C-alpha atoms as a PDB file:
ATOM      1  CA  MET A   1      75.016 -23.011  40.065  1.00  0.00           C
ATOM      2  CA  PRO A   2      71.747 -21.193  39.252  1.00  0.00           C
ATOM      3  CA  PRO A   3      68.543 -23.255  38.973  1.00  0.00           C
ATOM      4  CA  GLU A   4      67.583 -24.465  35.535  1.00  0.00           C
ATOM      5  CA  PRO A   5      64.724 -22.551  33.904  1.00  0.00           C
ATOM      6  CA  GLU A   6      61.448 -24.379  33.404  1.00  0.00           C
ATOM      7  CA  HIS A   7      61.285 -26.120  30.060  1.00  0.00           C
ATOM      8  CA  ALA A   8      58.425 -25.525  27.664  1.00  0.00           C
ATOM      9  CA  VAL A   9      58.245 -29.047  26.196  1.00  0.00           C
ATOM     10  CA  VAL A  10      54.797 -30.604  26.544  1.00  0.00           C
ATOM     11  CA  CYS A  11      54.302 -34.373  26.299  1.00  0.00           C
ATOM     12  CA  HIS A  12      51.008 -35.609  24.849  1.00  0.00           C
ATOM     13  CA  LEU A  13      51.436 -39.229  25.898  1.00  0.00           C
ATOM     14  CA  ASP A  14      48.125 -39.346  27.818  1.00  0.00           C
ATOM     15  CA  LYS A  15      46.131 -38.289  24.763  1.00  0.00           C
ATOM     16  CA  LEU A  16      47.960 -40.628  22.401  1.00  0.00           C
ATOM     17  CA  LEU A  17      47.482 -43.579  24.751  1.00  0.00           C
ATOM     18  CA  ALA A  18      43.774 -42.790  25.173  1.00  0.00           C
ATOM     19  CA  ASP A  19      43.278 -42.367  21.423  1.00  0.00           C
ATOM     20  CA  ARG A  20      44.809 -45.801  20.856  1.00  0.00           C
ATOM     21  CA  GLY A  21      43.146 -47.541  23.800  1.00  0.00           C
ATOM     22  CA  MET A  22      46.580 -48.416  25.141  1.00  0.00           C
ATOM     23  CA  THR A  23      47.873 -48.481  28.711  1.00  0.00           C
ATOM     24  CA  LEU A  24      51.140 -47.058  29.950  1.00  0.00           C
ATOM     25  CA  ALA A  25      52.105 -50.550  31.153  1.00  0.00           C
ATOM     26  CA  TYR A  26      51.555 -52.007  27.675  1.00  0.00           C
ATOM     27  CA  LEU A  27      53.566 -49.222  26.048  1.00  0.00           C
ATOM     28  CA  ALA A  28      56.392 -49.709  28.545  1.00  0.00           C
ATOM     29  CA  GLU A  29      56.481 -53.435  27.799  1.00  0.00           C
ATOM     30  CA  GLN A  30      56.524 -52.857  24.033  1.00  0.00           C
ATOM     31  CA  VAL A  31      59.210 -50.158  24.234  1.00  0.00           C
ATOM     32  CA  GLY A  32      61.348 -52.004  26.779  1.00  0.00           C
ATOM     33  CA  VAL A  33      61.459 -49.317  29.460  1.00  0.00           C
ATOM     34  CA  SER A  34      59.942 -49.141  32.917  1.00  0.00           C
ATOM     35  CA  VAL A  35      56.485 -47.762  33.610  1.00  0.00           C
ATOM     36  CA  VAL A  36      58.172 -45.345  36.023  1.00  0.00           C
ATOM     37  CA  ASN A  37      60.382 -43.916  33.265  1.00  0.00           C
ATOM     38  CA  LEU A  38      57.414 -43.430  30.941  1.00  0.00           C
ATOM     39  CA  SER A  39      55.427 -41.896  33.783  1.00  0.00           C
ATOM     40  CA  VAL A  40      58.198 -39.343  34.333  1.00  0.00           C
ATOM     41  CA  LEU A  41      58.003 -38.451  30.641  1.00  0.00           C
ATOM     42  CA  LYS A  42      54.192 -38.364  30.646  1.00  0.00           C
ATOM     43  CA  ASN A  43      54.079 -36.040  33.629  1.00  0.00           C
ATOM     44  CA  GLY A  44      56.584 -33.578  32.173  1.00  0.00           C
ATOM     45  CA  ARG A  45      59.313 -34.325  34.702  1.00  0.00           C
ATOM     46  CA  ALA A  46      61.786 -35.922  32.290  1.00  0.00           C
ATOM     47  CA  ARG A  47      65.062 -34.076  31.926  1.00  0.00           C
ATOM     48  CA  ALA A  48      66.169 -36.110  28.912  1.00  0.00           C
ATOM     49  CA  ILE A  49      65.045 -38.902  26.604  1.00  0.00           C
ATOM     50  CA  ARG A  50      67.209 -41.149  24.456  1.00  0.00           C
ATOM     51  CA  PHE A  51      66.549 -40.987  20.738  1.00  0.00           C
ATOM     52  CA  SER A  52      66.230 -44.784  20.727  1.00  0.00           C
ATOM     53  CA  THR A  53      63.461 -44.587  23.357  1.00  0.00           C
ATOM     54  CA  LEU A  54      61.743 -41.732  21.532  1.00  0.00           C
ATOM     55  CA  THR A  55      61.887 -43.721  18.291  1.00  0.00           C
ATOM     56  CA  ALA A  56      60.465 -46.834  19.961  1.00  0.00           C
ATOM     57  CA  VAL A  57      57.624 -44.893  21.615  1.00  0.00           C
ATOM     58  CA  CYS A  58      56.688 -43.273  18.304  1.00  0.00           C
ATOM     59  CA  ARG A  59      56.806 -46.628  16.494  1.00  0.00           C
ATOM     60  CA  VAL A  60      54.536 -48.343  19.028  1.00  0.00           C
ATOM     61  CA  LEU A  61      52.118 -45.397  19.110  1.00  0.00           C
ATOM     62  CA  ASN A  62      52.356 -44.954  15.323  1.00  0.00           C
ATOM     63  CA  CYS A  63      52.930 -41.224  15.753  1.00  0.00           C
ATOM     64  CA  THR A  64      55.491 -38.583  14.948  1.00  0.00           C
ATOM     65  CA  VAL A  65      57.743 -36.860  17.444  1.00  0.00           C
ATOM     66  CA  GLY A  66      55.733 -33.690  16.783  1.00  0.00           C
ATOM     67  CA  GLU A  67      52.537 -35.443  17.850  1.00  0.00           C
ATOM     68  CA  LEU A  68      54.185 -36.722  21.030  1.00  0.00           C
ATOM     69  CA  LEU A  69      56.111 -33.601  22.026  1.00  0.00           C
ATOM     70  CA  THR A  70      55.432 -29.927  21.390  1.00  0.00           C
ATOM     71  CA  VAL A  71      56.971 -26.713  22.691  1.00  0.00           C
ATOM     72  CA  ASP A  72      54.676 -24.156  24.305  1.00  0.00           C
ATOM     73  CA  GLY A  73      54.795 -20.828  22.537  1.00  0.00           C
ATOM     74  CA  VAL A  74      56.142 -22.255  19.273  1.00  0.00           C
ATOM     75  CA  PRO A  75      53.687 -22.430  16.344  1.00  0.00           C
ATOM     76  CA  GLU A  76      53.104 -25.939  15.039  1.00  0.00           C
END
């Protein structure tokens, strides 16, 4: 099987957390997922995310999916 191409999805979790004065540990607790799982997402290593997790993250951060995730090379 050939290797998967690099994805172009960029996660802006660091910026959103900083803007809100929130820690990754606090977000993980509020969302109900591990810090490790959120760290994987934050560092762009996630291969998938459940819609329920995405919804919970956006609710806690009071943001849209488009503020959390963008695609390089695609106009906003």
